[in-house]
PDB file of N, CA and C in Angstrom:
ATOM      1  N   MET A   1      11.506 -48.783 -27.179  1.00  0.00           N
ATOM      2  CA  MET A   1      11.567 -49.493 -25.911  1.00  0.00           C
ATOM      3  C   MET A   1      10.608 -48.833 -24.925  1.00  0.00           C
ATOM      4  N   THR A   2      10.073 -49.618 -24.041  1.00  0.00           N
ATOM      5  CA  THR A   2       9.208 -49.089 -22.989  1.00  0.00           C
ATOM      6  C   THR A   2      10.064 -48.603 -21.826  1.00  0.00           C
ATOM      7  N   ILE A   3       9.442 -47.872 -20.931  1.00  0.00           N
ATOM      8  CA  ILE A   3      10.185 -47.390 -19.771  1.00  0.00           C
ATOM      9  C   ILE A   3      10.661 -48.556 -18.909  1.00  0.00           C
ATOM     10  N   LYS A   4       9.883 -49.624 -18.870  1.00  0.00           N
ATOM     11  CA  LYS A   4      10.293 -50.804 -18.107  1.00  0.00           C
ATOM     12  C   LYS A   4      11.552 -51.418 -18.705  1.00  0.00           C
ATOM     13  N   GLU A   5      11.594 -51.535 -20.015  1.00  0.00           N
ATOM     14  CA  GLU A   5      12.766 -52.108 -20.682  1.00  0.00           C
ATOM     15  C   GLU A   5      14.003 -51.231 -20.479  1.00  0.00           C
ATOM     16  N   VAL A   6      13.812 -49.927 -20.592  1.00  0.00           N
ATOM     17  CA  VAL A   6      14.926 -48.993 -20.397  1.00  0.00           C
ATOM     18  C   VAL A   6      15.394 -49.040 -18.945  1.00  0.00           C
ATOM     19  N   SER A   7      14.443 -49.115 -18.042  1.00  0.00           N
ATOM     20  CA  SER A   7      14.755 -49.203 -16.619  1.00  0.00           C
ATOM     21  C   SER A   7      15.630 -50.413 -16.331  1.00  0.00           C
ATOM     22  N   GLU A   8      15.276 -51.540 -16.898  1.00  0.00           N
ATOM     23  CA  GLU A   8      16.050 -52.769 -16.698  1.00  0.00           C
ATOM     24  C   GLU A   8      17.414 -52.692 -17.389  1.00  0.00           C
ATOM     25  N   LYS A   9      17.435 -52.157 -18.597  1.00  0.00           N
ATOM     26  CA  LYS A   9      18.681 -52.083 -19.365  1.00  0.00           C
ATOM     27  C   LYS A   9      19.726 -51.210 -18.672  1.00  0.00           C
ATOM     28  N   TYR A  10      19.285 -50.086 -18.104  1.00  0.00           N
ATOM     29  CA  TYR A  10      20.235 -49.130 -17.514  1.00  0.00           C
ATOM     30  C   TYR A  10      20.245 -49.155 -15.991  1.00  0.00           C
ATOM     31  N   ASP A  11      19.514 -50.092 -15.414  1.00  0.00           N
ATOM     32  CA  ASP A  11      19.468 -50.243 -13.958  1.00  0.00           C
ATOM     33  C   ASP A  11      19.115 -48.928 -13.263  1.00  0.00           C
ATOM     34  N   LEU A  12      18.068 -48.299 -13.761  1.00  0.00           N
ATOM     35  CA  LEU A  12      17.507 -47.087 -13.166  1.00  0.00           C
ATOM     36  C   LEU A  12      16.016 -47.337 -12.961  1.00  0.00           C
ATOM     37  N   SER A  13      15.477 -46.806 -11.895  1.00  0.00           N
ATOM     38  CA  SER A  13      14.040 -46.990 -11.692  1.00  0.00           C
ATOM     39  C   SER A  13      13.259 -46.161 -12.713  1.00  0.00           C
ATOM     40  N   ALA A  14      12.052 -46.600 -13.003  1.00  0.00           N
ATOM     41  CA  ALA A  14      11.187 -45.853 -13.907  1.00  0.00           C
ATOM     42  C   ALA A  14      10.943 -44.453 -13.348  1.00  0.00           C
ATOM     43  N   ASP A  15      10.801 -44.343 -12.041  1.00  0.00           N
ATOM     44  CA  ASP A  15      10.608 -43.030 -11.413  1.00  0.00           C
ATOM     45  C   ASP A  15      11.795 -42.112 -11.658  1.00  0.00           C
ATOM     46  N   THR A  16      13.006 -42.662 -11.586  1.00  0.00           N
ATOM     47  CA  THR A  16      14.209 -41.860 -11.843  1.00  0.00           C
ATOM     48  C   THR A  16      14.219 -41.379 -13.278  1.00  0.00           C
ATOM     49  N   ILE A  17      13.874 -42.241 -14.200  1.00  0.00           N
ATOM     50  CA  ILE A  17      13.847 -41.864 -15.616  1.00  0.00           C
ATOM     51  C   ILE A  17      12.805 -40.773 -15.852  1.00  0.00           C
ATOM     52  N   ARG A  18      11.631 -40.929 -15.268  1.00  0.00           N
ATOM     53  CA  ARG A  18      10.593 -39.897 -15.396  1.00  0.00           C
ATOM     54  C   ARG A  18      11.071 -38.575 -14.801  1.00  0.00           C
ATOM     55  N   TYR A  19      11.733 -38.655 -13.651  1.00  0.00           N
ATOM     56  CA  TYR A  19      12.270 -37.467 -12.986  1.00  0.00           C
ATOM     57  C   TYR A  19      13.313 -36.787 -13.873  1.00  0.00           C
ATOM     58  N   TYR A  20      14.223 -37.558 -14.436  1.00  0.00           N
ATOM     59  CA  TYR A  20      15.240 -37.005 -15.324  1.00  0.00           C
ATOM     60  C   TYR A  20      14.590 -36.246 -16.482  1.00  0.00           C
ATOM     61  N   GLU A  21      13.526 -36.816 -17.038  1.00  0.00           N
ATOM     62  CA  GLU A  21      12.840 -36.157 -18.150  1.00  0.00           C
ATOM     63  C   GLU A  21      12.122 -34.894 -17.661  1.00  0.00           C
ATOM     64  N   ARG A  22      11.467 -34.986 -16.522  1.00  0.00           N
ATOM     65  CA  ARG A  22      10.689 -33.856 -15.994  1.00  0.00           C
ATOM     66  C   ARG A  22      11.566 -32.638 -15.724  1.00  0.00           C
ATOM     67  N   ILE A  23      12.766 -32.858 -15.177  1.00  0.00           N
ATOM     68  CA  ILE A  23      13.623 -31.724 -14.835  1.00  0.00           C
ATOM     69  C   ILE A  23      14.531 -31.288 -15.984  1.00  0.00           C
ATOM     70  N   GLY A  24      14.513 -32.025 -17.087  1.00  0.00           N
ATOM     71  CA  GLY A  24      15.317 -31.653 -18.247  1.00  0.00           C
ATOM     72  C   GLY A  24      16.712 -32.233 -18.247  1.00  0.00           C
ATOM     73  N   LEU A  25      16.946 -33.230 -17.423  1.00  0.00           N
ATOM     74  CA  LEU A  25      18.245 -33.903 -17.407  1.00  0.00           C
ATOM     75  C   LEU A  25      18.430 -34.753 -18.657  1.00  0.00           C
ATOM     76  N   ILE A  26      17.323 -35.200 -19.210  1.00  0.00           N
ATOM     77  CA  ILE A  26      17.302 -35.826 -20.533  1.00  0.00           C
ATOM     78  C   ILE A  26      16.219 -35.098 -21.331  1.00  0.00           C
ATOM     79  N   PRO A  27      16.372 -35.052 -22.654  1.00  0.00           N
ATOM     80  CA  PRO A  27      15.324 -34.408 -23.470  1.00  0.00           C
ATOM     81  C   PRO A  27      14.020 -35.201 -23.394  1.00  0.00           C
ATOM     82  N   HIS A  28      12.942 -34.550 -23.821  1.00  0.00           N
ATOM     83  CA  HIS A  28      11.653 -35.235 -23.818  1.00  0.00           C
ATOM     84  C   HIS A  28      11.723 -36.476 -24.689  1.00  0.00           C
ATOM     85  N   VAL A  29      11.151 -37.545 -24.171  1.00  0.00           N
ATOM     86  CA  VAL A  29      11.156 -38.839 -24.852  1.00  0.00           C
ATOM     87  C   VAL A  29       9.946 -38.888 -25.789  1.00  0.00           C
ATOM     88  N   PRO A  30      10.147 -39.385 -27.022  1.00  0.00           N
ATOM     89  CA  PRO A  30       8.997 -39.519 -27.934  1.00  0.00           C
ATOM     90  C   PRO A  30       7.892 -40.376 -27.303  1.00  0.00           C
ATOM     91  N   ARG A  31       6.681 -40.086 -27.695  1.00  0.00           N
ATOM     92  CA  ARG A  31       5.524 -40.814 -27.159  1.00  0.00           C
ATOM     93  C   ARG A  31       4.761 -41.501 -28.286  1.00  0.00           C
ATOM     94  N   LYS A  32       4.139 -42.608 -27.911  1.00  0.00           N
ATOM     95  CA  LYS A  32       3.226 -43.284 -28.832  1.00  0.00           C
ATOM     96  C   LYS A  32       1.922 -42.488 -28.858  1.00  0.00           C
ATOM     97  N   GLU A  33       1.018 -42.874 -29.747  1.00  0.00           N
ATOM     98  CA  GLU A  33      -0.271 -42.172 -29.847  1.00  0.00           C
ATOM     99  C   GLU A  33      -1.037 -42.197 -28.537  1.00  0.00           C
ATOM    100  N   ASN A  34      -0.846 -43.258 -27.746  1.00  0.00           N
ATOM    101  CA  ASN A  34      -1.565 -43.378 -26.479  1.00  0.00           C
ATOM    102  C   ASN A  34      -0.856 -42.643 -25.330  1.00  0.00           C
ATOM    103  N   GLY A  35       0.256 -41.943 -25.629  1.00  0.00           N
ATOM    104  CA  GLY A  35       0.957 -41.167 -24.615  1.00  0.00           C
ATOM    105  C   GLY A  35       2.069 -41.913 -23.888  1.00  0.00           C
ATOM    106  N   ILE A  36       2.213 -43.193 -24.171  1.00  0.00           N
ATOM    107  CA  ILE A  36       3.255 -43.998 -23.529  1.00  0.00           C
ATOM    108  C   ILE A  36       4.616 -43.624 -24.112  1.00  0.00           C
ATOM    109  N   ARG A  37       5.616 -43.482 -23.242  1.00  0.00           N
ATOM    110  CA  ARG A  37       6.974 -43.176 -23.717  1.00  0.00           C
ATOM    111  C   ARG A  37       7.471 -44.300 -24.616  1.00  0.00           C
ATOM    112  N   ASP A  38       8.123 -43.896 -25.707  1.00  0.00           N
ATOM    113  CA  ASP A  38       8.668 -44.845 -26.682  1.00  0.00           C
ATOM    114  C   ASP A  38      10.139 -44.477 -26.882  1.00  0.00           C
ATOM    115  N   PHE A  39      10.997 -45.074 -26.066  1.00  0.00           N
ATOM    116  CA  PHE A  39      12.418 -44.749 -26.073  1.00  0.00           C
ATOM    117  C   PHE A  39      13.082 -45.258 -27.341  1.00  0.00           C
ATOM    118  N   ASP A  40      13.653 -44.331 -28.098  1.00  0.00           N
ATOM    119  CA  ASP A  40      14.397 -44.699 -29.287  1.00  0.00           C
ATOM    120  C   ASP A  40      15.885 -44.709 -28.952  1.00  0.00           C
ATOM    121  N   GLU A  41      16.708 -44.927 -29.961  1.00  0.00           N
ATOM    122  CA  GLU A  41      18.151 -45.010 -29.734  1.00  0.00           C
ATOM    123  C   GLU A  41      18.706 -43.706 -29.154  1.00  0.00           C
ATOM    124  N   ALA A  42      18.231 -42.593 -29.656  1.00  0.00           N
ATOM    125  CA  ALA A  42      18.703 -41.296 -29.157  1.00  0.00           C
ATOM    126  C   ALA A  42      18.320 -41.111 -27.687  1.00  0.00           C
ATOM    127  N   SER A  43      17.097 -41.470 -27.339  1.00  0.00           N
ATOM    128  CA  SER A  43      16.645 -41.356 -25.946  1.00  0.00           C
ATOM    129  C   SER A  43      17.494 -42.221 -25.031  1.00  0.00           C
ATOM    130  N   CYS A  44      17.787 -43.422 -25.491  1.00  0.00           N
ATOM    131  CA  CYS A  44      18.622 -44.326 -24.689  1.00  0.00           C
ATOM    132  C   CYS A  44      20.035 -43.760 -24.536  1.00  0.00           C
ATOM    133  N   GLY A  45      20.540 -43.117 -25.580  1.00  0.00           N
ATOM    134  CA  GLY A  45      21.846 -42.476 -25.490  1.00  0.00           C
ATOM    135  C   GLY A  45      21.873 -41.402 -24.414  1.00  0.00           C
ATOM    136  N   TRP A  46      20.804 -40.621 -24.327  1.00  0.00           N
ATOM    137  CA  TRP A  46      20.718 -39.582 -23.284  1.00  0.00           C
ATOM    138  C   TRP A  46      20.627 -40.202 -21.891  1.00  0.00           C
ATOM    139  N   ILE A  47      19.886 -41.301 -21.775  1.00  0.00           N
ATOM    140  CA  ILE A  47      19.788 -41.997 -20.483  1.00  0.00           C
ATOM    141  C   ILE A  47      21.180 -42.471 -20.062  1.00  0.00           C
ATOM    142  N   GLU A  48      21.888 -43.087 -20.988  1.00  0.00           N
ATOM    143  CA  GLU A  48      23.222 -43.594 -20.702  1.00  0.00           C
ATOM    144  C   GLU A  48      24.164 -42.451 -20.295  1.00  0.00           C
ATOM    145  N   PHE A  49      24.081 -41.341 -21.019  1.00  0.00           N
ATOM    146  CA  PHE A  49      24.901 -40.162 -20.724  1.00  0.00           C
ATOM    147  C   PHE A  49      24.590 -39.641 -19.315  1.00  0.00           C
ATOM    148  N   ALA A  50      23.316 -39.468 -19.013  1.00  0.00           N
ATOM    149  CA  ALA A  50      22.911 -38.935 -17.706  1.00  0.00           C
ATOM    150  C   ALA A  50      23.354 -39.864 -16.579  1.00  0.00           C
ATOM    151  N   LYS A  51      23.179 -41.158 -16.778  1.00  0.00           N
ATOM    152  CA  LYS A  51      23.576 -42.113 -15.739  1.00  0.00           C
ATOM    153  C   LYS A  51      25.087 -42.063 -15.504  1.00  0.00           C
ATOM    154  N   CYS A  52      25.836 -42.020 -16.569  1.00  0.00           N
ATOM    155  CA  CYS A  52      27.294 -41.957 -16.460  1.00  0.00           C
ATOM    156  C   CYS A  52      27.729 -40.688 -15.738  1.00  0.00           C
ATOM    157  N   MET A  53      27.210 -39.564 -16.170  1.00  0.00           N
ATOM    158  CA  MET A  53      27.603 -38.276 -15.581  1.00  0.00           C
ATOM    159  C   MET A  53      27.180 -38.162 -14.119  1.00  0.00           C
ATOM    160  N   ARG A  54      25.966 -38.575 -13.825  1.00  0.00           N
ATOM    161  CA  ARG A  54      25.485 -38.505 -12.434  1.00  0.00           C
ATOM    162  C   ARG A  54      26.248 -39.482 -11.557  1.00  0.00           C
ATOM    163  N   GLY A  55      26.543 -40.658 -12.096  1.00  0.00           N
ATOM    164  CA  GLY A  55      27.298 -41.652 -11.333  1.00  0.00           C
ATOM    165  C   GLY A  55      28.673 -41.151 -10.936  1.00  0.00           C
ATOM    166  N   ALA A  56      29.225 -40.258 -11.747  1.00  0.00           N
ATOM    167  CA  ALA A  56      30.541 -39.693 -11.456  1.00  0.00           C
ATOM    168  C   ALA A  56      30.444 -38.446 -10.582  1.00  0.00           C
ATOM    169  N   GLY A  57      29.230 -37.955 -10.371  1.00  0.00           N
ATOM    170  CA  GLY A  57      29.065 -36.790  -9.513  1.00  0.00           C
ATOM    171  C   GLY A  57      28.940 -35.467 -10.241  1.00  0.00           C
ATOM    172  N   VAL A  58      28.726 -35.511 -11.556  1.00  0.00           N
ATOM    173  CA  VAL A  58      28.520 -34.261 -12.290  1.00  0.00           C
ATOM    174  C   VAL A  58      27.226 -33.626 -11.786  1.00  0.00           C
ATOM    175  N   GLN A  59      27.264 -32.318 -11.607  1.00  0.00           N
ATOM    176  CA  GLN A  59      26.132 -31.596 -11.021  1.00  0.00           C
ATOM    177  C   GLN A  59      24.897 -31.646 -11.920  1.00  0.00           C
ATOM    178  N   VAL A  60      23.745 -31.866 -11.290  1.00  0.00           N
ATOM    179  CA  VAL A  60      22.477 -31.930 -12.009  1.00  0.00           C
ATOM    180  C   VAL A  60      22.234 -30.633 -12.779  1.00  0.00           C
ATOM    181  N   GLU A  61      22.445 -29.504 -12.129  1.00  0.00           N
ATOM    182  CA  GLU A  61      22.186 -28.213 -12.757  1.00  0.00           C
ATOM    183  C   GLU A  61      23.017 -28.037 -14.024  1.00  0.00           C
ATOM    184  N   ALA A  62      24.277 -28.468 -13.975  1.00  0.00           N
ATOM    185  CA  ALA A  62      25.152 -28.349 -15.141  1.00  0.00           C
ATOM    186  C   ALA A  62      24.641 -29.218 -16.284  1.00  0.00           C
ATOM    187  N   LEU A  63      24.180 -30.413 -15.952  1.00  0.00           N
ATOM    188  CA  LEU A  63      23.662 -31.302 -16.988  1.00  0.00           C
ATOM    189  C   LEU A  63      22.380 -30.771 -17.602  1.00  0.00           C
ATOM    190  N   ILE A  64      21.530 -30.192 -16.778  1.00  0.00           N
ATOM    191  CA  ILE A  64      20.288 -29.599 -17.293  1.00  0.00           C
ATOM    192  C   ILE A  64      20.626 -28.457 -18.260  1.00  0.00           C
ATOM    193  N   ASP A  65      21.578 -27.611 -17.869  1.00  0.00           N
ATOM    194  CA  ASP A  65      22.003 -26.521 -18.751  1.00  0.00           C
ATOM    195  C   ASP A  65      22.569 -27.077 -20.052  1.00  0.00           C
ATOM    196  N   TYR A  66      23.380 -28.117 -19.944  1.00  0.00           N
ATOM    197  CA  TYR A  66      23.993 -28.733 -21.126  1.00  0.00           C
ATOM    198  C   TYR A  66      22.916 -29.257 -22.080  1.00  0.00           C
ATOM    199  N   VAL A  67      21.954 -29.992 -21.546  1.00  0.00           N
ATOM    200  CA  VAL A  67      20.886 -30.569 -22.380  1.00  0.00           C
ATOM    201  C   VAL A  67      20.092 -29.449 -23.050  1.00  0.00           C
ATOM    202  N   SER A  68      19.779 -28.415 -22.292  1.00  0.00           N
ATOM    203  CA  SER A  68      19.028 -27.287 -22.850  1.00  0.00           C
ATOM    204  C   SER A  68      19.803 -26.640 -23.996  1.00  0.00           C
ATOM    205  N   LEU A  69      21.089 -26.425 -23.809  1.00  0.00           N
ATOM    206  CA  LEU A  69      21.920 -25.794 -24.837  1.00  0.00           C
ATOM    207  C   LEU A  69      22.121 -26.694 -26.053  1.00  0.00           C
ATOM    208  N   PHE A  70      22.105 -27.992 -25.836  1.00  0.00           N
ATOM    209  CA  PHE A  70      22.375 -28.947 -26.900  1.00  0.00           C
ATOM    210  C   PHE A  70      21.438 -28.745 -28.090  1.00  0.00           C
ATOM    211  N   PHE A  71      20.234 -28.320 -27.823  1.00  0.00           N
ATOM    212  CA  PHE A  71      19.233 -28.174 -28.874  1.00  0.00           C
ATOM    213  C   PHE A  71      19.143 -26.750 -29.409  1.00  0.00           C
ATOM    214  N   GLN A  72      20.121 -25.930 -29.041  1.00  0.00           N
ATOM    215  CA  GLN A  72      20.173 -24.561 -29.549  1.00  0.00           C
ATOM    216  C   GLN A  72      21.398 -24.400 -30.444  1.00  0.00           C
ATOM    217  N   GLU A  73      21.230 -23.695 -31.534  1.00  0.00           N
ATOM    218  CA  GLU A  73      22.347 -23.483 -32.464  1.00  0.00           C
ATOM    219  C   GLU A  73      23.350 -22.516 -31.867  1.00  0.00           C
ATOM    220  N   GLY A  74      24.611 -22.721 -32.199  1.00  0.00           N
ATOM    221  CA  GLY A  74      25.666 -21.802 -31.803  1.00  0.00           C
ATOM    222  C   GLY A  74      26.041 -21.853 -30.335  1.00  0.00           C
ATOM    223  N   THR A  75      25.789 -22.986 -29.690  1.00  0.00           N
ATOM    224  CA  THR A  75      26.071 -23.091 -28.246  1.00  0.00           C
ATOM    225  C   THR A  75      27.238 -24.028 -27.940  1.00  0.00           C
ATOM    226  N   GLU A  76      27.997 -24.367 -28.962  1.00  0.00           N
ATOM    227  CA  GLU A  76      29.087 -25.318 -28.763  1.00  0.00           C
ATOM    228  C   GLU A  76      30.073 -24.843 -27.698  1.00  0.00           C
ATOM    229  N   GLU A  77      30.427 -23.575 -27.736  1.00  0.00           N
ATOM    230  CA  GLU A  77      31.385 -23.022 -26.768  1.00  0.00           C
ATOM    231  C   GLU A  77      30.825 -23.115 -25.346  1.00  0.00           C
ATOM    232  N   ALA A  78      29.560 -22.761 -25.170  1.00  0.00           N
ATOM    233  CA  ALA A  78      28.932 -22.814 -23.843  1.00  0.00           C
ATOM    234  C   ALA A  78      28.851 -24.251 -23.345  1.00  0.00           C
ATOM    235  N   ARG A  79      28.532 -25.182 -24.241  1.00  0.00           N
ATOM    236  CA  ARG A  79      28.466 -26.592 -23.835  1.00  0.00           C
ATOM    237  C   ARG A  79      29.843 -27.100 -23.451  1.00  0.00           C
ATOM    238  N   LYS A  80      30.840 -26.730 -24.231  1.00  0.00           N
ATOM    239  CA  LYS A  80      32.205 -27.136 -23.900  1.00  0.00           C
ATOM    240  C   LYS A  80      32.611 -26.571 -22.547  1.00  0.00           C
ATOM    241  N   ASP A  81      32.271 -25.311 -22.286  1.00  0.00           N
ATOM    242  CA  ASP A  81      32.607 -24.678 -21.000  1.00  0.00           C
ATOM    243  C   ASP A  81      32.005 -25.446 -19.828  1.00  0.00           C
ATOM    244  N   ILE A  82      30.767 -25.882 -19.987  1.00  0.00           N
ATOM    245  CA  ILE A  82      30.117 -26.672 -18.934  1.00  0.00           C
ATOM    246  C   ILE A  82      30.906 -27.952 -18.690  1.00  0.00           C
ATOM    247  N   LEU A  83      31.260 -28.632 -19.764  1.00  0.00           N
ATOM    248  CA  LEU A  83      31.988 -29.899 -19.622  1.00  0.00           C
ATOM    249  C   LEU A  83      33.366 -29.683 -19.008  1.00  0.00           C
ATOM    250  N   VAL A  84      34.055 -28.631 -19.430  1.00  0.00           N
ATOM    251  CA  VAL A  84      35.385 -28.337 -18.883  1.00  0.00           C
ATOM    252  C   VAL A  84      35.286 -28.039 -17.385  1.00  0.00           C
ATOM    253  N   GLU A  85      34.294 -27.249 -17.010  1.00  0.00           N
ATOM    254  CA  GLU A  85      34.106 -26.918 -15.585  1.00  0.00           C
ATOM    255  C   GLU A  85      33.807 -28.161 -14.757  1.00  0.00           C
ATOM    256  N   GLN A  86      32.939 -29.020 -15.260  1.00  0.00           N
ATOM    257  CA  GLN A  86      32.585 -30.229 -14.526  1.00  0.00           C
ATOM    258  C   GLN A  86      33.773 -31.192 -14.451  1.00  0.00           C
ATOM    259  N   ARG A  87      34.564 -31.238 -15.515  1.00  0.00           N
ATOM    260  CA  ARG A  87      35.757 -32.081 -15.496  1.00  0.00           C
ATOM    261  C   ARG A  87      36.734 -31.597 -14.437  1.00  0.00           C
ATOM    262  N   ALA A  88      36.891 -30.291 -14.323  1.00  0.00           N
ATOM    263  CA  ALA A  88      37.791 -29.724 -13.306  1.00  0.00           C
ATOM    264  C   ALA A  88      37.303 -30.083 -11.903  1.00  0.00           C
ATOM    265  N   ARG A  89      35.998 -30.020 -11.679  1.00  0.00           N
ATOM    266  CA  ARG A  89      35.433 -30.407 -10.380  1.00  0.00           C
ATOM    267  C   ARG A  89      35.729 -31.876 -10.091  1.00  0.00           C
ATOM    268  N   LEU A  90      35.530 -32.729 -11.097  1.00  0.00           N
ATOM    269  CA  LEU A  90      35.790 -34.152 -10.909  1.00  0.00           C
ATOM    270  C   LEU A  90      37.269 -34.414 -10.671  1.00  0.00           C
ATOM    271  N   GLN A  91      38.144 -33.662 -11.331  1.00  0.00           N
ATOM    272  CA  GLN A  91      39.585 -33.826 -11.126  1.00  0.00           C
ATOM    273  C   GLN A  91      39.951 -33.508  -9.681  1.00  0.00           C
ATOM    274  N   GLU A  92      39.362 -32.446  -9.125  1.00  0.00           N
ATOM    275  CA  GLU A  92      39.603 -32.101  -7.721  1.00  0.00           C
ATOM    276  C   GLU A  92      39.138 -33.223  -6.795  1.00  0.00           C
ATOM    277  N   GLN A  93      37.968 -33.761  -7.096  1.00  0.00           N
ATOM    278  CA  GLN A  93      37.438 -34.859  -6.284  1.00  0.00           C
ATOM    279  C   GLN A  93      38.335 -36.087  -6.403  1.00  0.00           C
ATOM    280  N   LEU A  94      38.822 -36.355  -7.601  1.00  0.00           N
ATOM    281  CA  LEU A  94      39.706 -37.495  -7.819  1.00  0.00           C
ATOM    282  C   LEU A  94      40.996 -37.343  -7.012  1.00  0.00           C
ATOM    283  N   GLU A  95      41.540 -36.141  -7.012  1.00  0.00           N
ATOM    284  CA  GLU A  95      42.765 -35.887  -6.248  1.00  0.00           C
ATOM    285  C   GLU A  95      42.518 -36.044  -4.748  1.00  0.00           C
ATOM    286  N   ALA A  96      41.355 -35.584  -4.279  1.00  0.00           N
ATOM    287  CA  ALA A  96      41.019 -35.744  -2.863  1.00  0.00           C
ATOM    288  C   ALA A  96      40.864 -37.224  -2.517  1.00  0.00           C
ATOM    289  N   LEU A  97      40.228 -37.974  -3.398  1.00  0.00           N
ATOM    290  CA  LEU A  97      40.081 -39.417  -3.178  1.00  0.00           C
ATOM    291  C   LEU A  97      41.437 -40.108  -3.167  1.00  0.00           C
ATOM    292  N   GLN A  98      42.321 -39.692  -4.070  1.00  0.00           N
ATOM    293  CA  GLN A  98      43.655 -40.286  -4.118  1.00  0.00           C
ATOM    294  C   GLN A  98      44.415 -40.020  -2.828  1.00  0.00           C
ATOM    295  N   ALA A  99      44.308 -38.804  -2.302  1.00  0.00           N
ATOM    296  CA  ALA A  99      44.973 -38.474  -1.041  1.00  0.00           C
ATOM    297  C   ALA A  99      44.408 -39.323   0.096  1.00  0.00           C
ATOM    298  N   THR A 100      43.113 -39.525   0.093  1.00  0.00           N
ATOM    299  CA  THR A 100      42.484 -40.364   1.114  1.00  0.00           C
ATOM    300  C   THR A 100      42.945 -41.808   0.979  1.00  0.00           C
ATOM    301  N   MET A 101      43.034 -42.307  -0.249  1.00  0.00           N
ATOM    302  CA  MET A 101      43.511 -43.674  -0.464  1.00  0.00           C
ATOM    303  C   MET A 101      44.939 -43.832   0.047  1.00  0.00           C
ATOM    304  N   GLU A 102      45.773 -42.851  -0.218  1.00  0.00           N
ATOM    305  CA  GLU A 102      47.155 -42.917   0.256  1.00  0.00           C
ATOM    306  C   GLU A 102      47.210 -42.924   1.780  1.00  0.00           C
ATOM    307  N   ARG A 103      46.374 -42.136   2.403  1.00  0.00           N
ATOM    308  CA  ARG A 103      46.348 -42.109   3.864  1.00  0.00           C
ATOM    309  C   ARG A 103      45.862 -43.440   4.421  1.00  0.00           C
ATOM    310  N   LEU A 104      44.825 -43.999   3.794  1.00  0.00           N
ATOM    311  CA  LEU A 104      44.336 -45.316   4.225  1.00  0.00           C
ATOM    312  C   LEU A 104      45.411 -46.384   4.039  1.00  0.00           C
ATOM    313  N   ASP A 105      46.113 -46.345   2.914  1.00  0.00           N
ATOM    314  CA  ASP A 105      47.190 -47.303   2.679  1.00  0.00           C
ATOM    315  C   ASP A 105      48.251 -47.197   3.769  1.00  0.00           C
ATOM    316  N   TYR A 106      48.591 -45.976   4.131  1.00  0.00           N
ATOM    317  CA  TYR A 106      49.574 -45.752   5.186  1.00  0.00           C
ATOM    318  C   TYR A 106      49.085 -46.345   6.513  1.00  0.00           C
ATOM    319  N   LYS A 107      47.834 -46.062   6.859  1.00  0.00           N
ATOM    320  CA  LYS A 107      47.284 -46.574   8.123  1.00  0.00           C
ATOM    321  C   LYS A 107      47.229 -48.105   8.120  1.00  0.00           C
ATOM    322  N   ILE A 108      46.811 -48.683   7.019  1.00  0.00           N
ATOM    323  CA  ILE A 108      46.745 -50.145   6.919  1.00  0.00           C
ATOM    324  C   ILE A 108      48.135 -50.741   7.061  1.00  0.00           C
ATOM    325  N   SER A 109      49.103 -50.141   6.393  1.00  0.00           N
ATOM    326  CA  SER A 109      50.485 -50.596   6.490  1.00  0.00           C
ATOM    327  C   SER A 109      50.982 -50.513   7.935  1.00  0.00           C
ATOM    328  N   HIS A 110      50.615 -49.442   8.598  1.00  0.00           N
ATOM    329  CA  HIS A 110      50.983 -49.262  10.008  1.00  0.00           C
ATOM    330  C   HIS A 110      50.431 -50.411  10.863  1.00  0.00           C
ATOM    331  N   TYR A 111      49.163 -50.751  10.643  1.00  0.00           N
ATOM    332  CA  TYR A 111      48.566 -51.847  11.409  1.00  0.00           C
ATOM    333  C   TYR A 111      49.165 -53.193  11.025  1.00  0.00           C
ATOM    334  N   ASP A 112      49.536 -53.345   9.771  1.00  0.00           N
ATOM    335  CA  ASP A 112      50.229 -54.574   9.360  1.00  0.00           C
ATOM    336  C   ASP A 112      51.520 -54.746  10.157  1.00  0.00           C
ATOM    337  N   GLU A 113      52.274 -53.662  10.323  1.00  0.00           N
ATOM    338  CA  GLU A 113      53.523 -53.701  11.088  1.00  0.00           C
ATOM    339  C   GLU A 113      53.260 -54.028  12.560  1.00  0.00           C
ATOM    340  N   ILE A 114      52.248 -53.399  13.129  1.00  0.00           N
ATOM    341  CA  ILE A 114      51.888 -53.672  14.535  1.00  0.00           C
ATOM    342  C   ILE A 114      51.539 -55.139  14.705  1.00  0.00           C
ATOM    343  N   LEU A 115      50.713 -55.653  13.809  1.00  0.00           N
ATOM    344  CA  LEU A 115      50.284 -57.059  13.911  1.00  0.00           C
ATOM    345  C   LEU A 115      51.450 -58.014  13.665  1.00  0.00           C
ATOM    346  N   LYS A 116      52.327 -57.642  12.770  1.00  0.00           N
ATOM    347  CA  LYS A 116      53.506 -58.456  12.479  1.00  0.00           C
ATOM    348  C   LYS A 116      54.410 -58.549  13.735  1.00  0.00           C
ATOM    349  N   CYS A 117      54.622 -57.413  14.382  1.00  0.00           N
ATOM    350  CA  CYS A 117      55.430 -57.404  15.609  1.00  0.00           C
ATOM    351  C   CYS A 117      54.747 -58.185  16.720  1.00  0.00           C
ATOM    352  N   SER A 118      53.436 -58.054  16.799  1.00  0.00           N
ATOM    353  CA  SER A 118      52.667 -58.767  17.803  1.00  0.00           C
ATOM    354  C   SER A 118      52.792 -60.269  17.620  1.00  0.00           C
ATOM    355  N   GLU A 119      52.763 -60.736  16.368  1.00  0.00           N
ATOM    356  CA  GLU A 119      52.904 -62.158  16.066  1.00  0.00           C
ATOM    357  C   GLU A 119      54.297 -62.661  16.451  1.00  0.00           C
ATOM    358  N   LYS A 120      55.332 -61.851  16.213  1.00  0.00           N
ATOM    359  CA  LYS A 120      56.680 -62.251  16.570  1.00  0.00           C
ATOM    360  C   LYS A 120      56.837 -62.414  18.074  1.00  0.00           C
ATOM    361  N   LEU A 121      56.195 -61.530  18.823  1.00  0.00           N
ATOM    362  CA  LEU A 121      56.265 -61.593  20.282  1.00  0.00           C
ATOM    363  C   LEU A 121      55.562 -62.842  20.806  1.00  0.00           C
ATOM    364  N   LYS A 122      54.479 -63.245  20.137  1.00  0.00           N
ATOM    365  CA  LYS A 122      53.741 -64.430  20.558  1.00  0.00           C
ATOM    366  C   LYS A 122      54.495 -65.713  20.203  1.00  0.00           C
ATOM    367  N   GLY A 123      55.196 -65.659  19.078  1.00  0.00           N
ATOM    368  CA  GLY A 123      55.823 -66.840  18.526  1.00  0.00           C
ATOM    369  C   GLY A 123      57.089 -67.191  19.187  1.00  0.00           C
TER     370      GLY A 123
END
């Protein structure tokens, strides 16, 4: 696949994909003889992984470390540690979001009651 096709498939700009490759967020993409990127299934898998992880807020630095370790033998424990740490960070964020949602629900409910009483007074 070309970078344009991958860009459209994963809804990422070509510049973002190039940036991900340049900083090591995804491994180097195979090239054709003319130097044009030729995304294979494995490359697309890395794009999908990076998009998913970044979309959830996983740290860029952690992903770069993970990708670097992925191609080294005997790094399973280190890779798992990165994933466990990032999962813990996301769990904290999820709990904070849940607390915010509960507070918003409470405030909305409060305004529902105010408006309900206001309607009764008018009626």
